C-alpha cells in the first residue's frame, strides 16, 4: 500500500512539474519538486533497508 501511495505521489508531482513548465507557473513547479523529494525520501528508506538486509545475509 505504501508503494502505491508513493508511486501516485511521484506521478502527480511529474504532472504538476509539466503543467507548471507549460504555464510558466512557479508554484506548480515548486509543489511538484517538494512532492518528489518527499516520495524519494520514503523510497530511500526501503532501499537502504533492503540493501543492508541483503548485505548482512549475503544474498546475491
N, C-alpha and C. Protein backbone atom coordinates (compact mmCIF):
# COMPACT_ATOMS: atom_id res chain seq x y z
N UNK A 1 0.82 -1.19 0.00
CA UNK A 1 0.00 0.00 0.00
C UNK A 1 0.87 1.26 0.00
N UNK A 2 1.95 1.20 0.76
CA UNK A 2 2.85 2.35 0.83
C UNK A 2 3.51 2.60 -0.52
N UNK A 3 3.81 1.52 -1.23
CA UNK A 3 4.43 1.68 -2.55
C UNK A 3 3.48 2.33 -3.55
N UNK A 4 2.21 1.97 -3.46
CA UNK A 4 1.22 2.53 -4.38
C UNK A 4 1.05 4.02 -4.11
N UNK A 5 1.01 4.41 -2.84
CA UNK A 5 0.86 5.82 -2.50
C UNK A 5 2.08 6.61 -2.96
N UNK A 6 3.26 6.03 -2.79
CA UNK A 6 4.48 6.70 -3.23
C UNK A 6 4.49 6.85 -4.75
N UNK A 7 4.07 5.81 -5.47
CA UNK A 7 4.02 5.87 -6.93
C UNK A 7 3.03 6.92 -7.41
N UNK A 8 1.88 6.99 -6.78
CA UNK A 8 0.89 8.01 -7.13
C UNK A 8 1.45 9.41 -6.87
N UNK A 9 2.18 9.56 -5.77
CA UNK A 9 2.80 10.85 -5.46
C UNK A 9 3.83 11.27 -6.50
N UNK A 10 4.63 10.32 -6.96
CA UNK A 10 5.63 10.63 -7.99
C UNK A 10 4.96 11.00 -9.30
N UNK A 11 3.95 10.27 -9.70
CA UNK A 11 3.23 10.57 -10.95
C UNK A 11 2.56 11.93 -10.86
N UNK A 12 1.93 12.22 -9.72
CA UNK A 12 1.27 13.50 -9.53
C UNK A 12 2.27 14.65 -9.57
N UNK A 13 3.42 14.45 -8.96
CA UNK A 13 4.42 15.52 -8.96
C UNK A 13 4.99 15.76 -10.35
N UNK A 14 5.17 14.71 -11.14
CA UNK A 14 5.65 14.88 -12.52
C UNK A 14 4.62 15.65 -13.34
N UNK A 15 3.34 15.33 -13.14
CA UNK A 15 2.28 16.06 -13.85
C UNK A 15 2.28 17.53 -13.44
N UNK A 16 2.46 17.81 -12.15
CA UNK A 16 2.50 19.19 -11.69
C UNK A 16 3.68 19.96 -12.28
N UNK A 17 4.83 19.31 -12.37
CA UNK A 17 6.00 19.96 -12.94
C UNK A 17 5.79 20.25 -14.43
N UNK A 18 5.20 19.30 -15.16
CA UNK A 18 4.95 19.52 -16.59
C UNK A 18 3.95 20.65 -16.80
N UNK A 19 2.88 20.65 -16.02
CA UNK A 19 1.88 21.73 -16.14
C UNK A 19 2.51 23.07 -15.77
N UNK A 20 3.32 23.07 -14.72
CA UNK A 20 3.98 24.31 -14.31
C UNK A 20 4.93 24.84 -15.37
N UNK A 21 5.62 23.95 -16.07
CA UNK A 21 6.52 24.39 -17.13
C UNK A 21 5.76 24.94 -18.33
N UNK A 22 4.63 24.33 -18.66
CA UNK A 22 3.88 24.78 -19.83
C UNK A 22 3.20 26.13 -19.57
N UNK A 23 2.74 26.34 -18.32
CA UNK A 23 2.03 27.59 -18.00
C UNK A 23 2.94 28.62 -17.35
N UNK A 24 4.22 28.30 -17.21
CA UNK A 24 5.20 29.17 -16.54
C UNK A 24 4.73 29.56 -15.14
N UNK A 25 4.23 28.57 -14.41
CA UNK A 25 3.73 28.78 -13.05
C UNK A 25 4.73 28.18 -12.07
N UNK A 26 5.40 29.04 -11.32
CA UNK A 26 6.44 28.58 -10.39
C UNK A 26 5.87 27.82 -9.20
N UNK A 27 4.62 28.09 -8.84
CA UNK A 27 4.02 27.42 -7.68
C UNK A 27 3.84 25.94 -7.97
N UNK A 28 3.34 25.59 -9.15
CA UNK A 28 3.18 24.18 -9.51
C UNK A 28 4.52 23.46 -9.55
N UNK A 29 5.52 24.13 -10.08
CA UNK A 29 6.85 23.51 -10.17
C UNK A 29 7.41 23.25 -8.78
N UNK A 30 7.28 24.24 -7.88
CA UNK A 30 7.83 24.05 -6.54
C UNK A 30 7.07 22.99 -5.75
N UNK A 31 5.75 22.93 -5.90
CA UNK A 31 4.97 21.88 -5.23
C UNK A 31 5.37 20.51 -5.77
N UNK A 32 5.56 20.40 -7.07
CA UNK A 32 5.97 19.13 -7.68
C UNK A 32 7.33 18.68 -7.21
N UNK A 33 8.28 19.61 -7.10
CA UNK A 33 9.62 19.26 -6.65
C UNK A 33 9.60 18.81 -5.19
N UNK A 34 8.86 19.52 -4.35
CA UNK A 34 8.77 19.13 -2.94
C UNK A 34 8.12 17.76 -2.80
N UNK A 35 7.09 17.51 -3.58
CA UNK A 35 6.41 16.21 -3.52
C UNK A 35 7.33 15.08 -3.98
N UNK A 36 8.14 15.33 -5.00
CA UNK A 36 9.10 14.32 -5.46
C UNK A 36 10.13 14.05 -4.38
N UNK A 37 10.62 15.09 -3.71
CA UNK A 37 11.61 14.90 -2.65
C UNK A 37 11.04 14.10 -1.48
N UNK A 38 9.79 14.34 -1.14
CA UNK A 38 9.15 13.58 -0.06
C UNK A 38 9.03 12.11 -0.46
N UNK A 39 8.59 11.85 -1.69
CA UNK A 39 8.43 10.47 -2.16
C UNK A 39 9.79 9.76 -2.24
N UNK A 40 10.82 10.46 -2.70
CA UNK A 40 12.15 9.85 -2.76
C UNK A 40 12.68 9.56 -1.36
N UNK A 41 12.33 10.39 -0.40
CA UNK A 41 12.72 10.12 0.98
C UNK A 41 12.10 8.84 1.50
N UNK A 42 10.84 8.60 1.18
CA UNK A 42 10.20 7.35 1.59
C UNK A 42 10.81 6.15 0.86
N UNK A 43 11.12 6.32 -0.41
CA UNK A 43 11.70 5.21 -1.17
C UNK A 43 13.12 4.90 -0.72
N UNK A 44 13.87 5.91 -0.33
CA UNK A 44 15.25 5.71 0.10
C UNK A 44 15.32 4.85 1.36
N UNK A 45 14.38 5.01 2.27
CA UNK A 45 14.35 4.20 3.49
C UNK A 45 14.22 2.72 3.15
N UNK A 46 13.28 2.39 2.28
CA UNK A 46 13.08 0.99 1.89
C UNK A 46 14.29 0.46 1.13
N UNK A 47 14.90 1.29 0.29
CA UNK A 47 16.07 0.87 -0.47
C UNK A 47 17.22 0.53 0.46
N UNK A 48 17.49 1.38 1.43
CA UNK A 48 18.61 1.13 2.34
C UNK A 48 18.34 -0.06 3.25
N UNK A 49 17.09 -0.25 3.67
CA UNK A 49 16.76 -1.42 4.49
C UNK A 49 17.01 -2.71 3.70
N UNK A 50 16.59 -2.74 2.45
CA UNK A 50 16.81 -3.91 1.61
C UNK A 50 18.27 -4.14 1.30
N UNK A 51 19.00 -3.06 1.08
CA UNK A 51 20.43 -3.16 0.79
C UNK A 51 21.18 -3.73 1.99
N UNK A 52 20.89 -3.23 3.18
CA UNK A 52 21.56 -3.70 4.39
C UNK A 52 21.17 -5.14 4.68
N UNK A 53 19.90 -5.47 4.51
CA UNK A 53 19.44 -6.84 4.75
C UNK A 53 20.15 -7.81 3.79
N UNK A 54 20.25 -7.44 2.53
CA UNK A 54 20.93 -8.30 1.56
C UNK A 54 22.43 -8.40 1.82
N UNK A 55 23.04 -7.33 2.28
CA UNK A 55 24.48 -7.33 2.55
C UNK A 55 24.79 -8.19 3.77
N UNK A 56 23.96 -8.13 4.79
CA UNK A 56 24.20 -8.91 6.00
C UNK A 56 23.98 -10.40 5.74
N UNK A 57 22.92 -10.72 5.04
CA UNK A 57 22.61 -12.15 4.79
C UNK A 57 23.43 -12.75 3.66
N UNK A 58 24.07 -11.95 2.85
CA UNK A 58 24.90 -12.45 1.77
C UNK A 58 24.10 -12.97 0.58
N UNK A 59 22.86 -12.49 0.42
CA UNK A 59 22.06 -12.93 -0.73
C UNK A 59 22.58 -12.25 -1.99
N UNK A 60 22.91 -13.07 -2.98
CA UNK A 60 23.38 -12.50 -4.24
C UNK A 60 22.37 -12.73 -5.29
